[in-house]
């Protein structure tokens, strides 16, 4: 999977069309959540992260599709992919760190509930929850203020 992530990153850098960039971003987000779901004890965190990214990427895709004219896809430059393939083969030739090889020993849904609640409501996570709550609240208030001020859509039609 890391090999695919590496190649998708290179494809993102080599692409010239915004549509291709968004599709590679979506595929790399999906692979990242698969890796995160395999490494963490809570696989639902990866699924929620993927859904949030999917919503943001779909909004971004709609916005870019409405702004850009429909350009034709150009050929991908192979000069970028050749060093990336060699680097990824070099990376796969060596052993991966133990953290990446660790897979959850419990099947999904068979974990002790006591352990799950301890990790979910740990005091170390409280600042993160407070930050997320305040960030979402400020963003909501800001968007409402913008919409009340202008009473127009964010993009003007011609």
C-alpha atoms as a PDB file:
ATOM      1  CA  UNK A   1       0.000   0.000   0.000  1.00  0.00           C
ATOM      2  CA  UNK A   2       2.861   2.353   0.689  1.00  0.00           C
ATOM      3  CA  UNK A   3       4.086   1.737  -2.841  1.00  0.00           C
ATOM      4  CA  UNK A   4       0.706   2.836  -4.203  1.00  0.00           C
ATOM      5  CA  UNK A   5       0.694   5.889  -1.945  1.00  0.00           C
ATOM      6  CA  UNK A   6       4.096   6.846  -3.271  1.00  0.00           C
ATOM      7  CA  UNK A   7       3.006   6.443  -6.887  1.00  0.00           C
ATOM      8  CA  UNK A   8      -0.207   8.397  -6.310  1.00  0.00           C
ATOM      9  CA  UNK A   9       1.792  11.242  -4.799  1.00  0.00           C
ATOM     10  CA  UNK A  10       3.961  11.324  -7.900  1.00  0.00           C
ATOM     11  CA  UNK A  11       0.924  11.227 -10.155  1.00  0.00           C
ATOM     12  CA  UNK A  12      -0.535  14.155  -8.231  1.00  0.00           C
ATOM     13  CA  UNK A  13       2.639  16.170  -8.782  1.00  0.00           C
ATOM     14  CA  UNK A  14       2.832  15.242 -12.462  1.00  0.00           C
ATOM     15  CA  UNK A  15      -0.799  15.914 -13.348  1.00  0.00           C
ATOM     16  CA  UNK A  16      -1.782  19.148 -14.995  1.00  0.00           C
ATOM     17  CA  UNK A  17      -5.556  18.796 -14.937  1.00  0.00           C
ATOM     18  CA  UNK A  18      -7.417  19.759 -11.754  1.00  0.00           C
ATOM     19  CA  UNK A  19      -9.814  16.852 -12.230  1.00  0.00           C
ATOM     20  CA  UNK A  20      -6.973  14.336 -12.264  1.00  0.00           C
ATOM     21  CA  UNK A  21      -5.459  15.996  -9.193  1.00  0.00           C
ATOM     22  CA  UNK A  22      -8.692  15.610  -7.253  1.00  0.00           C
ATOM     23  CA  UNK A  23      -9.087  11.968  -8.286  1.00  0.00           C
ATOM     24  CA  UNK A  24      -5.539  11.127  -7.187  1.00  0.00           C
ATOM     25  CA  UNK A  25      -6.138  13.006  -3.940  1.00  0.00           C
ATOM     26  CA  UNK A  26      -9.266  10.937  -3.355  1.00  0.00           C
ATOM     27  CA  UNK A  27      -7.424   7.675  -4.055  1.00  0.00           C
ATOM     28  CA  UNK A  28      -4.511   8.597  -1.787  1.00  0.00           C
ATOM     29  CA  UNK A  29      -6.946   9.588   0.981  1.00  0.00           C
ATOM     30  CA  UNK A  30      -8.647   6.220   0.663  1.00  0.00           C
ATOM     31  CA  UNK A  31      -5.316   4.385   0.899  1.00  0.00           C
ATOM     32  CA  UNK A  32      -4.230   6.508   3.867  1.00  0.00           C
ATOM     33  CA  UNK A  33      -7.411   5.667   5.752  1.00  0.00           C
ATOM     34  CA  UNK A  34      -6.914   1.976   4.986  1.00  0.00           C
ATOM     35  CA  UNK A  35      -3.413   2.138   6.438  1.00  0.00           C
ATOM     36  CA  UNK A  36      -4.643   4.127   9.444  1.00  0.00           C
ATOM     37  CA  UNK A  37      -7.477   1.664  10.022  1.00  0.00           C
ATOM     38  CA  UNK A  38      -5.032  -1.236  10.037  1.00  0.00           C
ATOM     39  CA  UNK A  39      -2.622   0.479  12.435  1.00  0.00           C
ATOM     40  CA  UNK A  40      -4.956   2.000  15.017  1.00  0.00           C
ATOM     41  CA  UNK A  41      -7.126   0.260  17.564  1.00  0.00           C
ATOM     42  CA  UNK A  42     -10.178   2.263  16.467  1.00  0.00           C
ATOM     43  CA  UNK A  43     -10.901   1.587  12.800  1.00  0.00           C
ATOM     44  CA  UNK A  44     -13.937   3.868  12.892  1.00  0.00           C
ATOM     45  CA  UNK A  45     -11.641   6.890  13.269  1.00  0.00           C
ATOM     46  CA  UNK A  46     -10.227   6.108   9.833  1.00  0.00           C
ATOM     47  CA  UNK A  47     -13.714   5.772   8.378  1.00  0.00           C
ATOM     48  CA  UNK A  48     -14.844   9.094   9.836  1.00  0.00           C
ATOM     49  CA  UNK A  49     -11.673  10.721   8.539  1.00  0.00           C
ATOM     50  CA  UNK A  50     -12.359   9.317   5.086  1.00  0.00           C
ATOM     51  CA  UNK A  51     -15.945  10.579   5.105  1.00  0.00           C
ATOM     52  CA  UNK A  52     -14.833  14.069   6.136  1.00  0.00           C
ATOM     53  CA  UNK A  53     -12.176  14.123   3.427  1.00  0.00           C
ATOM     54  CA  UNK A  54     -14.648  12.728   0.901  1.00  0.00           C
ATOM     55  CA  UNK A  55     -17.118  15.513   1.655  1.00  0.00           C
ATOM     56  CA  UNK A  56     -14.421  18.163   1.353  1.00  0.00           C
ATOM     57  CA  UNK A  57     -13.035  16.685  -1.846  1.00  0.00           C
ATOM     58  CA  UNK A  58     -16.487  16.495  -3.429  1.00  0.00           C
ATOM     59  CA  UNK A  59     -17.110  20.154  -2.630  1.00  0.00           C
ATOM     60  CA  UNK A  60     -13.692  21.028  -4.035  1.00  0.00           C
ATOM     61  CA  UNK A  61     -14.385  18.945  -7.146  1.00  0.00           C
ATOM     62  CA  UNK A  62     -17.695  20.701  -7.749  1.00  0.00           C
ATOM     63  CA  UNK A  63     -16.104  24.119  -7.323  1.00  0.00           C
ATOM     64  CA  UNK A  64     -13.153  23.369  -9.608  1.00  0.00           C
ATOM     65  CA  UNK A  65     -15.401  21.785 -12.229  1.00  0.00           C
ATOM     66  CA  UNK A  66     -17.523  24.905 -12.369  1.00  0.00           C
ATOM     67  CA  UNK A  67     -14.516  27.239 -12.629  1.00  0.00           C
ATOM     68  CA  UNK A  68     -12.251  25.429 -15.069  1.00  0.00           C
ATOM     69  CA  UNK A  69     -12.890  24.896 -18.707  1.00  0.00           C
ATOM     70  CA  UNK A  70     -12.769  21.254 -19.657  1.00  0.00           C
ATOM     71  CA  UNK A  71      -9.142  20.810 -20.734  1.00  0.00           C
ATOM     72  CA  UNK A  72      -7.959  17.630 -22.354  1.00  0.00           C
ATOM     73  CA  UNK A  73      -5.718  15.370 -20.326  1.00  0.00           C
ATOM     74  CA  UNK A  74      -2.089  15.646 -21.286  1.00  0.00           C
ATOM     75  CA  UNK A  75       0.335  12.767 -21.258  1.00  0.00           C
ATOM     76  CA  UNK A  76       1.927  12.097 -17.895  1.00  0.00           C
ATOM     77  CA  UNK A  77       5.646  12.773 -17.833  1.00  0.00           C
ATOM     78  CA  UNK A  78       7.510   9.496 -17.471  1.00  0.00           C
ATOM     79  CA  UNK A  79      10.673  11.285 -16.352  1.00  0.00           C
ATOM     80  CA  UNK A  80       9.056  11.826 -12.973  1.00  0.00           C
ATOM     81  CA  UNK A  81       7.900   8.235 -12.536  1.00  0.00           C
ATOM     82  CA  UNK A  82      11.192   6.470 -13.265  1.00  0.00           C
ATOM     83  CA  UNK A  83      13.028   7.834 -10.171  1.00  0.00           C
ATOM     84  CA  UNK A  84       9.905   7.289  -8.097  1.00  0.00           C
ATOM     85  CA  UNK A  85       9.706   3.641  -9.117  1.00  0.00           C
ATOM     86  CA  UNK A  86      13.366   3.134  -8.225  1.00  0.00           C
ATOM     87  CA  UNK A  87      12.893   4.869  -4.872  1.00  0.00           C
ATOM     88  CA  UNK A  88       9.829   2.800  -4.059  1.00  0.00           C
ATOM     89  CA  UNK A  89      11.629  -0.442  -4.964  1.00  0.00           C
ATOM     90  CA  UNK A  90      14.500   0.671  -2.738  1.00  0.00           C
ATOM     91  CA  UNK A  91      12.013   1.385   0.048  1.00  0.00           C
ATOM     92  CA  UNK A  92      10.374  -2.030  -0.327  1.00  0.00           C
ATOM     93  CA  UNK A  93      13.732  -3.816  -0.395  1.00  0.00           C
ATOM     94  CA  UNK A  94      14.362  -2.906   3.227  1.00  0.00           C
ATOM     95  CA  UNK A  95      12.222  -3.954   6.147  1.00  0.00           C
ATOM     96  CA  UNK A  96       9.455  -1.604   7.100  1.00  0.00           C
ATOM     97  CA  UNK A  97       9.428  -0.155  10.614  1.00  0.00           C
ATOM     98  CA  UNK A  98       7.607  -2.320  13.161  1.00  0.00           C
ATOM     99  CA  UNK A  99       4.940   0.342  13.620  1.00  0.00           C
ATOM    100  CA  UNK A 100       3.804  -0.058  10.012  1.00  0.00           C
ATOM    101  CA  UNK A 101       3.753  -3.827  10.269  1.00  0.00           C
ATOM    102  CA  UNK A 102       1.610  -3.845  13.406  1.00  0.00           C
ATOM    103  CA  UNK A 103      -1.918  -4.951  12.699  1.00  0.00           C
ATOM    104  CA  UNK A 104      -4.783  -4.887  15.134  1.00  0.00           C
ATOM    105  CA  UNK A 105      -4.955  -8.228  16.940  1.00  0.00           C
ATOM    106  CA  UNK A 106      -8.664  -7.908  17.702  1.00  0.00           C
ATOM    107  CA  UNK A 107     -11.203  -8.293  14.918  1.00  0.00           C
ATOM    108  CA  UNK A 108     -13.550  -5.372  14.379  1.00  0.00           C
ATOM    109  CA  UNK A 109     -16.154  -5.215  17.113  1.00  0.00           C
ATOM    110  CA  UNK A 110     -14.560  -7.888  19.347  1.00  0.00           C
ATOM    111  CA  UNK A 111     -12.570  -5.488  21.526  1.00  0.00           C
ATOM    112  CA  UNK A 112     -13.336  -5.136  25.201  1.00  0.00           C
ATOM    113  CA  UNK A 113     -15.670  -2.179  25.678  1.00  0.00           C
ATOM    114  CA  UNK A 114     -13.789  -1.062  28.759  1.00  0.00           C
ATOM    115  CA  UNK A 115     -10.574  -0.538  26.786  1.00  0.00           C
ATOM    116  CA  UNK A 116     -12.409   1.282  24.010  1.00  0.00           C
ATOM    117  CA  UNK A 117     -13.969   3.776  26.429  1.00  0.00           C
ATOM    118  CA  UNK A 118     -10.649   4.403  28.157  1.00  0.00           C
ATOM    119  CA  UNK A 119      -9.013   5.361  24.879  1.00  0.00           C
ATOM    120  CA  UNK A 120     -11.954   7.419  23.676  1.00  0.00           C
ATOM    121  CA  UNK A 121     -12.349   9.558  26.802  1.00  0.00           C
ATOM    122  CA  UNK A 122      -8.744   9.754  27.876  1.00  0.00           C
ATOM    123  CA  UNK A 123      -7.771  13.055  29.538  1.00  0.00           C
ATOM    124  CA  UNK A 124      -4.998  13.389  26.973  1.00  0.00           C
ATOM    125  CA  UNK A 125      -7.610  13.742  24.222  1.00  0.00           C
ATOM    126  CA  UNK A 126      -9.636  16.519  25.902  1.00  0.00           C
ATOM    127  CA  UNK A 127      -7.591  19.397  24.407  1.00  0.00           C
ATOM    128  CA  UNK A 128      -8.100  17.922  20.952  1.00  0.00           C
ATOM    129  CA  UNK A 129     -11.861  17.737  21.474  1.00  0.00           C
ATOM    130  CA  UNK A 130     -11.919  21.304  22.767  1.00  0.00           C
ATOM    131  CA  UNK A 131      -9.889  22.506  19.786  1.00  0.00           C
ATOM    132  CA  UNK A 132     -12.144  20.728  17.286  1.00  0.00           C
ATOM    133  CA  UNK A 133     -15.281  22.053  18.958  1.00  0.00           C
ATOM    134  CA  UNK A 134     -14.042  25.645  19.006  1.00  0.00           C
ATOM    135  CA  UNK A 135     -12.733  25.428  15.430  1.00  0.00           C
ATOM    136  CA  UNK A 136     -16.054  24.153  14.106  1.00  0.00           C
ATOM    137  CA  UNK A 137     -18.000  26.748  16.094  1.00  0.00           C
ATOM    138  CA  UNK A 138     -15.839  29.633  14.844  1.00  0.00           C
ATOM    139  CA  UNK A 139     -16.083  28.351  11.270  1.00  0.00           C
ATOM    140  CA  UNK A 140     -19.857  28.090  11.530  1.00  0.00           C
ATOM    141  CA  UNK A 141     -20.175  31.613  12.919  1.00  0.00           C
ATOM    142  CA  UNK A 142     -17.844  32.989  10.250  1.00  0.00           C
ATOM    143  CA  UNK A 143     -19.775  31.402   7.377  1.00  0.00           C
ATOM    144  CA  UNK A 144     -23.094  32.614   8.787  1.00  0.00           C
ATOM    145  CA  UNK A 145     -21.663  36.135   9.093  1.00  0.00           C
ATOM    146  CA  UNK A 146     -20.424  36.086   5.501  1.00  0.00           C
ATOM    147  CA  UNK A 147     -23.746  34.859   4.191  1.00  0.00           C
ATOM    148  CA  UNK A 148     -25.685  37.531   6.121  1.00  0.00           C
ATOM    149  CA  UNK A 149     -23.370  40.305   4.950  1.00  0.00           C
ATOM    150  CA  UNK A 150     -23.503  39.722   1.211  1.00  0.00           C
ATOM    151  CA  UNK A 151     -26.768  37.804   0.679  1.00  0.00           C
ATOM    152  CA  UNK A 152     -25.239  36.360  -2.485  1.00  0.00           C
ATOM    153  CA  UNK A 153     -23.660  33.100  -3.542  1.00  0.00           C
ATOM    154  CA  UNK A 154     -19.908  32.805  -3.170  1.00  0.00           C
ATOM    155  CA  UNK A 155     -19.401  32.730  -6.970  1.00  0.00           C
ATOM    156  CA  UNK A 156     -21.068  35.252  -9.262  1.00  0.00           C
ATOM    157  CA  UNK A 157     -22.593  34.028 -12.491  1.00  0.00           C
ATOM    158  CA  UNK A 158     -21.941  35.898 -15.715  1.00  0.00           C
END
